[in-house]
Amino acid sequence: MPLLSIVAVYFIIWWLTLFLVLPFGLKTQGEANEIVPGTVESAPARFRPLKVVAWTTLIAALIHGCWYVASVEFGIGIDSIPRFAPQFY
């Protein structure tokens, strides 16, 4: 498998994982009763970008590793999906 394809798939998985990880552990300003003037209550009280990026990278690496093993070792890919789909006709 070409290196560029591997990097492209990881990039897509990383961005999707980022949006899954962002709300975990989020404490809003309204929950902390520390609303900064000019912001909404749902804004984060303390945003920790390094923690979010670290968790995103770790989870994306695990998902990417599973995808890579399934793709390269077991040969499961887009063409294999119809084989596993239920037949209704």
N, C-alpha and C. Protein backbone atom coordinates (compact mmCIF):
# COMPACT_ATOMS: atom_id res chain seq x y z
N MET A 1 0.85 -1.17 0.00
CA MET A 1 0.00 0.00 0.00
C MET A 1 0.90 1.24 0.00
N PRO A 2 0.62 2.21 -0.86
CA PRO A 2 1.45 3.41 -0.94
C PRO A 2 1.42 4.22 0.36
N LEU A 3 2.53 4.82 0.69
CA LEU A 3 2.67 5.60 1.92
C LEU A 3 1.69 6.78 1.93
N LEU A 4 1.48 7.41 0.80
CA LEU A 4 0.57 8.54 0.75
C LEU A 4 -0.86 8.12 1.10
N SER A 5 -1.27 6.95 0.69
CA SER A 5 -2.61 6.45 1.04
C SER A 5 -2.72 6.19 2.54
N ILE A 6 -1.69 5.64 3.12
CA ILE A 6 -1.68 5.38 4.56
C ILE A 6 -1.79 6.69 5.34
N VAL A 7 -1.03 7.69 4.93
CA VAL A 7 -1.06 8.99 5.60
C VAL A 7 -2.42 9.66 5.41
N ALA A 8 -2.99 9.56 4.22
CA ALA A 8 -4.29 10.18 3.94
C ALA A 8 -5.39 9.55 4.80
N VAL A 9 -5.38 8.24 4.93
CA VAL A 9 -6.39 7.57 5.76
C VAL A 9 -6.21 7.96 7.22
N TYR A 10 -4.96 8.03 7.69
CA TYR A 10 -4.71 8.44 9.07
C TYR A 10 -5.20 9.87 9.30
N PHE A 11 -4.96 10.75 8.35
CA PHE A 11 -5.39 12.14 8.46
C PHE A 11 -6.91 12.22 8.60
N ILE A 12 -7.63 11.47 7.81
CA ILE A 12 -9.09 11.47 7.87
C ILE A 12 -9.57 10.91 9.21
N ILE A 13 -8.98 9.81 9.64
CA ILE A 13 -9.36 9.21 10.93
C ILE A 13 -9.05 10.17 12.07
N TRP A 14 -7.92 10.88 11.99
CA TRP A 14 -7.54 11.81 13.05
C TRP A 14 -8.56 12.93 13.18
N TRP A 15 -8.99 13.51 12.07
CA TRP A 15 -9.97 14.60 12.13
C TRP A 15 -11.31 14.12 12.63
N LEU A 16 -11.75 12.96 12.21
CA LEU A 16 -13.02 12.42 12.72
C LEU A 16 -12.93 12.14 14.22
N THR A 17 -11.80 11.63 14.65
CA THR A 17 -11.60 11.34 16.07
C THR A 17 -11.54 12.62 16.89
N LEU A 18 -10.98 13.67 16.32
CA LEU A 18 -10.91 14.96 17.03
C LEU A 18 -12.30 15.42 17.44
N PHE A 19 -13.26 15.32 16.53
CA PHE A 19 -14.61 15.77 16.84
C PHE A 19 -15.31 14.84 17.83
N LEU A 20 -14.85 13.61 17.94
CA LEU A 20 -15.38 12.71 18.96
C LEU A 20 -14.77 12.98 20.33
N VAL A 21 -13.51 13.40 20.37
CA VAL A 21 -12.79 13.59 21.63
C VAL A 21 -13.08 14.96 22.25
N LEU A 22 -13.38 15.96 21.45
CA LEU A 22 -13.56 17.32 21.97
C LEU A 22 -14.54 17.43 23.15
N PRO A 23 -15.70 16.81 23.12
CA PRO A 23 -16.62 17.01 24.26
C PRO A 23 -16.27 16.23 25.52
N PHE A 24 -15.37 15.26 25.47
CA PHE A 24 -15.04 14.48 26.66
C PHE A 24 -14.34 15.34 27.71
N GLY A 25 -14.85 15.33 28.92
CA GLY A 25 -14.23 16.07 30.02
C GLY A 25 -14.44 17.56 29.94
N LEU A 26 -15.32 18.00 29.08
CA LEU A 26 -15.55 19.43 28.91
C LEU A 26 -16.39 19.96 30.07
N LYS A 27 -15.92 21.00 30.69
CA LYS A 27 -16.67 21.68 31.73
C LYS A 27 -16.92 23.09 31.24
N THR A 28 -18.19 23.44 31.12
CA THR A 28 -18.53 24.75 30.57
C THR A 28 -18.38 25.84 31.62
N GLN A 29 -18.36 27.08 31.14
CA GLN A 29 -18.27 28.21 32.06
C GLN A 29 -19.52 28.30 32.93
N GLY A 30 -20.67 27.90 32.38
CA GLY A 30 -21.90 27.90 33.15
C GLY A 30 -21.87 26.90 34.29
N GLU A 31 -21.27 25.72 34.05
CA GLU A 31 -21.15 24.71 35.10
C GLU A 31 -20.16 25.13 36.17
N ALA A 32 -19.11 25.86 35.77
CA ALA A 32 -18.09 26.30 36.72
C ALA A 32 -18.45 27.61 37.39
N ASN A 33 -19.56 28.24 36.98
CA ASN A 33 -19.97 29.55 37.50
C ASN A 33 -18.88 30.60 37.36
N GLU A 34 -18.13 30.54 36.25
CA GLU A 34 -17.06 31.51 35.96
C GLU A 34 -17.25 32.03 34.55
N ILE A 35 -18.33 32.74 34.30
CA ILE A 35 -18.63 33.22 32.96
C ILE A 35 -17.83 34.48 32.68
N VAL A 36 -17.01 34.42 31.65
CA VAL A 36 -16.20 35.56 31.23
C VAL A 36 -17.10 36.50 30.44
N PRO A 37 -17.08 37.79 30.74
CA PRO A 37 -17.92 38.73 30.00
C PRO A 37 -17.62 38.68 28.50
N GLY A 38 -18.68 38.62 27.71
CA GLY A 38 -18.53 38.57 26.26
C GLY A 38 -18.53 37.16 25.68
N THR A 39 -18.66 36.15 26.55
CA THR A 39 -18.71 34.77 26.07
C THR A 39 -20.03 34.14 26.48
N VAL A 40 -20.38 33.04 25.84
CA VAL A 40 -21.60 32.32 26.19
C VAL A 40 -21.31 31.35 27.32
N GLU A 41 -22.39 30.92 27.99
CA GLU A 41 -22.23 29.99 29.12
C GLU A 41 -21.69 28.64 28.69
N SER A 42 -21.92 28.26 27.44
CA SER A 42 -21.49 26.94 26.97
C SER A 42 -20.03 26.90 26.53
N ALA A 43 -19.33 28.01 26.63
CA ALA A 43 -17.90 28.03 26.28
C ALA A 43 -17.11 27.25 27.33
N PRO A 44 -16.03 26.61 26.92
CA PRO A 44 -15.24 25.83 27.89
C PRO A 44 -14.66 26.72 28.98
N ALA A 45 -14.67 26.22 30.21
CA ALA A 45 -14.08 26.96 31.32
C ALA A 45 -12.55 26.94 31.21
N ARG A 46 -11.99 25.76 30.92
CA ARG A 46 -10.55 25.62 30.70
C ARG A 46 -10.35 24.67 29.53
N PHE A 47 -9.91 25.21 28.42
CA PHE A 47 -9.66 24.37 27.25
C PHE A 47 -8.22 23.90 27.30
N ARG A 48 -8.02 22.59 27.15
CA ARG A 48 -6.68 22.00 27.20
C ARG A 48 -6.36 21.39 25.84
N PRO A 49 -5.82 22.20 24.92
CA PRO A 49 -5.59 21.69 23.57
C PRO A 49 -4.56 20.57 23.49
N LEU A 50 -3.53 20.59 24.32
CA LEU A 50 -2.52 19.53 24.27
C LEU A 50 -3.11 18.18 24.70
N LYS A 51 -3.98 18.21 25.70
CA LYS A 51 -4.62 16.98 26.15
C LYS A 51 -5.54 16.43 25.07
N VAL A 52 -6.29 17.32 24.41
CA VAL A 52 -7.21 16.90 23.35
C VAL A 52 -6.42 16.32 22.18
N VAL A 53 -5.34 16.97 21.79
CA VAL A 53 -4.53 16.49 20.67
C VAL A 53 -3.86 15.16 21.02
N ALA A 54 -3.40 15.02 22.25
CA ALA A 54 -2.75 13.77 22.66
C ALA A 54 -3.74 12.60 22.63
N TRP A 55 -4.94 12.79 23.20
CA TRP A 55 -5.95 11.73 23.17
C TRP A 55 -6.40 11.43 21.76
N THR A 56 -6.57 12.47 20.95
CA THR A 56 -6.97 12.27 19.56
C THR A 56 -5.94 11.45 18.81
N THR A 57 -4.68 11.78 18.98
CA THR A 57 -3.61 11.07 18.29
C THR A 57 -3.55 9.61 18.74
N LEU A 58 -3.70 9.37 20.03
CA LEU A 58 -3.65 8.00 20.54
C LEU A 58 -4.82 7.16 20.02
N ILE A 59 -6.02 7.69 20.11
CA ILE A 59 -7.20 6.94 19.66
C ILE A 59 -7.17 6.74 18.15
N ALA A 60 -6.77 7.79 17.41
CA ALA A 60 -6.69 7.67 15.95
C ALA A 60 -5.64 6.65 15.54
N ALA A 61 -4.53 6.58 16.27
CA ALA A 61 -3.50 5.59 15.97
C ALA A 61 -4.02 4.17 16.18
N LEU A 62 -4.81 3.96 17.24
CA LEU A 62 -5.38 2.63 17.49
C LEU A 62 -6.38 2.25 16.39
N ILE A 63 -7.25 3.19 16.02
CA ILE A 63 -8.22 2.91 14.96
C ILE A 63 -7.50 2.66 13.64
N HIS A 64 -6.50 3.48 13.35
CA HIS A 64 -5.74 3.33 12.11
C HIS A 64 -5.00 1.99 12.09
N GLY A 65 -4.46 1.59 13.22
CA GLY A 65 -3.78 0.30 13.29
C GLY A 65 -4.73 -0.86 13.02
N CYS A 66 -5.93 -0.78 13.58
CA CYS A 66 -6.94 -1.82 13.30
C CYS A 66 -7.31 -1.83 11.83
N TRP A 67 -7.48 -0.65 11.26
CA TRP A 67 -7.81 -0.57 9.83
C TRP A 67 -6.68 -1.15 8.98
N TYR A 68 -5.45 -0.82 9.33
CA TYR A 68 -4.30 -1.28 8.56
C TYR A 68 -4.18 -2.81 8.60
N VAL A 69 -4.34 -3.38 9.79
CA VAL A 69 -4.26 -4.84 9.92
C VAL A 69 -5.39 -5.50 9.14
N ALA A 70 -6.61 -4.96 9.25
CA ALA A 70 -7.74 -5.53 8.52
C ALA A 70 -7.54 -5.42 7.03
N SER A 71 -6.94 -4.33 6.60
CA SER A 71 -6.75 -4.09 5.16
C SER A 71 -5.60 -4.92 4.58
N VAL A 72 -4.47 -4.89 5.23
CA VAL A 72 -3.27 -5.53 4.67
C VAL A 72 -3.21 -7.02 5.00
N GLU A 73 -3.44 -7.36 6.25
CA GLU A 73 -3.29 -8.76 6.67
C GLU A 73 -4.48 -9.63 6.26
N PHE A 74 -5.70 -9.09 6.40
CA PHE A 74 -6.89 -9.89 6.13
C PHE A 74 -7.54 -9.59 4.79
N GLY A 75 -7.10 -8.55 4.13
CA GLY A 75 -7.62 -8.22 2.81
C GLY A 75 -9.03 -7.65 2.81
N ILE A 76 -9.47 -7.13 3.94
CA ILE A 76 -10.80 -6.54 4.02
C ILE A 76 -10.72 -5.10 3.56
N GLY A 77 -11.51 -4.76 2.57
CA GLY A 77 -11.53 -3.41 2.03
C GLY A 77 -12.92 -3.03 1.56
N ILE A 78 -12.99 -1.97 0.80
CA ILE A 78 -14.27 -1.49 0.28
C ILE A 78 -14.93 -2.56 -0.59
N ASP A 79 -14.17 -3.28 -1.35
CA ASP A 79 -14.73 -4.31 -2.23
C ASP A 79 -15.31 -5.48 -1.44
N SER A 80 -14.92 -5.64 -0.19
CA SER A 80 -15.39 -6.75 0.63
C SER A 80 -16.73 -6.48 1.30
N ILE A 81 -17.16 -5.25 1.35
CA ILE A 81 -18.37 -4.89 2.08
C ILE A 81 -19.60 -5.63 1.55
N PRO A 82 -19.83 -5.73 0.25
CA PRO A 82 -21.03 -6.45 -0.20
C PRO A 82 -21.07 -7.92 0.24
N ARG A 83 -19.90 -8.53 0.45
CA ARG A 83 -19.89 -9.94 0.90
C ARG A 83 -20.48 -10.08 2.30
N PHE A 84 -20.25 -9.08 3.14
CA PHE A 84 -20.70 -9.16 4.52
C PHE A 84 -22.08 -8.56 4.73
N ALA A 85 -22.61 -7.84 3.74
CA ALA A 85 -23.93 -7.23 3.86
C ALA A 85 -25.02 -8.30 3.76
N PRO A 86 -26.11 -8.13 4.53
CA PRO A 86 -27.18 -9.14 4.45
C PRO A 86 -27.87 -9.09 3.09
N GLN A 87 -28.28 -10.23 2.64
CA GLN A 87 -28.97 -10.33 1.36
C GLN A 87 -30.48 -10.35 1.59
N PHE A 88 -31.18 -9.36 1.04
CA PHE A 88 -32.62 -9.24 1.25
C PHE A 88 -33.43 -9.61 0.01
N TYR A 89 -32.80 -10.12 -1.00
CA TYR A 89 -33.55 -10.45 -2.22
C TYR A 89 -33.50 -11.91 -2.51
